[in-house]
Amino acid sequence: MALGDGDIAFAVDLFSDLGSVTIRKMFGGICLYQGGTVFALMSSEGRLYLKSTGDLALEMAGDGAEQFHNMPYWSMPDAALDDPSEACRLARQTLALLS
C-alpha cells in the first residue's frame, strides 16, 4: 500500500515550522528531509517516525514509542501528531542529534 497525497501533505504540514521540508518517496512511504538531512519517515501504512538515538530514543520509548523494524526510527506520540509545535520540538531534537 502506498501513501496518498493527503498523508504526504499532512506530514509536510505538521513540520512546516521547521522551514523547508522536502520528501522522497521510498518503498511505498516517504522520507522527510530538512536541509538535506533525513529526520523522519512515514511508513506505507501512514505511521510517522522520527530518527532518534541515545537519550531521545530512550525518552520516546519510555513514552510508548515503537521502533520501526530494527532501524533508529521511533513512532511519533499521538499528542505530537495533533500538535505541530510538539512535533517540531521533537524534530528539532532529532535534527540536533544528527548535525
Protein backbone atom coordinates (compact mmCIF):
# COMPACT_ATOMS: atom_id res chain seq x y z
CA MET A 1 0.00 0.00 0.00
CA ALA A 2 1.39 3.41 -0.95
CA LEU A 3 0.71 6.68 0.80
CA GLY A 4 -1.85 9.05 -0.64
CA ASP A 5 -1.34 12.72 -1.36
CA GLY A 6 -3.29 13.62 1.79
CA ASP A 7 -0.93 11.60 4.00
CA ILE A 8 2.09 13.28 2.46
CA ALA A 9 0.54 16.75 2.80
CA PHE A 10 -0.23 16.05 6.48
CA ALA A 11 3.39 15.11 7.23
CA VAL A 12 4.84 18.13 5.40
CA ASP A 13 2.33 20.47 7.06
CA LEU A 14 2.98 19.02 10.53
CA PHE A 15 6.66 20.00 10.26
CA SER A 16 6.17 23.27 8.35
CA ASP A 17 7.60 25.37 11.21
CA LEU A 18 10.98 23.73 10.58
CA GLY A 19 11.30 25.62 7.31
CA SER A 20 11.76 23.87 4.01
CA VAL A 21 10.82 20.21 4.46
CA THR A 22 11.23 18.04 1.40
CA ILE A 23 10.24 14.45 0.80
CA ARG A 24 11.40 11.47 -1.20
CA LYS A 25 9.12 8.55 -1.90
CA MET A 26 10.62 5.20 -0.92
CA PHE A 27 9.12 1.72 -0.66
CA GLY A 28 5.55 2.98 -0.58
CA GLY A 29 6.33 5.52 2.16
CA ILE A 30 8.35 8.72 2.33
CA CYS A 31 11.50 10.08 3.93
CA LEU A 32 11.30 13.65 5.22
CA TYR A 33 14.32 15.94 4.91
CA GLN A 34 15.22 19.27 6.41
CA GLY A 35 18.33 20.91 4.99
CA GLY A 36 19.27 17.70 3.20
CA THR A 37 19.11 15.60 6.39
CA VAL A 38 16.63 12.76 6.80
CA PHE A 39 14.90 13.31 10.13
CA ALA A 40 11.67 11.32 9.78
CA LEU A 41 9.86 8.76 7.73
CA MET A 42 6.28 7.82 7.12
CA SER A 43 5.66 4.15 6.52
CA SER A 44 3.43 2.88 3.75
CA GLU A 45 0.78 2.34 6.45
CA GLY A 46 0.82 6.07 7.25
CA ARG A 47 2.65 5.90 10.57
CA LEU A 48 5.13 8.69 11.23
CA TYR A 49 8.53 8.00 12.82
CA LEU A 50 11.39 10.27 13.94
CA LYS A 51 15.03 9.27 13.63
CA SER A 52 16.15 9.08 17.24
CA THR A 53 19.15 7.73 19.08
CA GLY A 54 20.56 7.88 22.59
CA ASP A 55 18.59 9.73 25.23
CA LEU A 56 15.91 10.89 22.79
CA ALA A 57 15.24 7.31 21.70
CA LEU A 58 15.04 6.24 25.34
CA GLU A 59 12.65 9.12 26.09
CA MET A 60 10.44 8.25 23.16
CA ALA A 61 10.45 4.54 24.03
CA GLY A 62 9.57 5.44 27.62
CA ASP A 63 6.60 7.40 26.29
CA GLY A 64 5.37 4.31 24.43
CA ALA A 65 7.01 4.86 21.02
CA GLU A 66 7.60 1.79 18.91
CA GLN A 67 10.72 1.19 16.87
CA PHE A 68 10.45 0.89 13.09
CA HIS A 69 11.84 -2.60 12.48
CA ASN A 70 15.44 -2.53 13.74
CA MET A 71 16.13 0.95 12.43
CA PRO A 72 16.76 4.06 14.57
CA TYR A 73 13.27 5.43 13.95
CA TRP A 74 10.63 5.72 16.69
CA SER A 75 6.91 6.36 16.29
CA MET A 76 5.63 9.84 17.00
CA PRO A 77 3.47 10.23 20.12
CA ASP A 78 -0.21 10.75 19.37
CA ALA A 79 -0.12 14.11 21.14
CA ALA A 80 2.60 15.33 18.76
CA LEU A 81 0.55 14.26 15.75
CA ASP A 82 -2.17 16.63 16.94
CA ASP A 83 0.21 19.46 17.91
CA PRO A 84 2.62 20.83 15.28
CA SER A 85 4.55 22.72 17.99
CA GLU A 86 5.28 19.47 19.84
CA ALA A 87 6.05 17.62 16.61
CA CYS A 88 8.54 20.33 15.62
CA ARG A 89 10.09 20.36 19.11
CA LEU A 90 10.81 16.64 18.81
CA ALA A 91 12.02 17.06 15.24
CA ARG A 92 14.41 19.82 16.31
CA GLN A 93 15.84 17.50 18.97
CA THR A 94 16.28 14.86 16.27
CA LEU A 95 17.99 17.31 13.91
CA ALA A 96 20.32 18.49 16.69
CA LEU A 97 21.44 14.89 17.23
CA LEU A 98 22.10 14.45 13.51
CA SER A 99 24.18 17.58 12.99
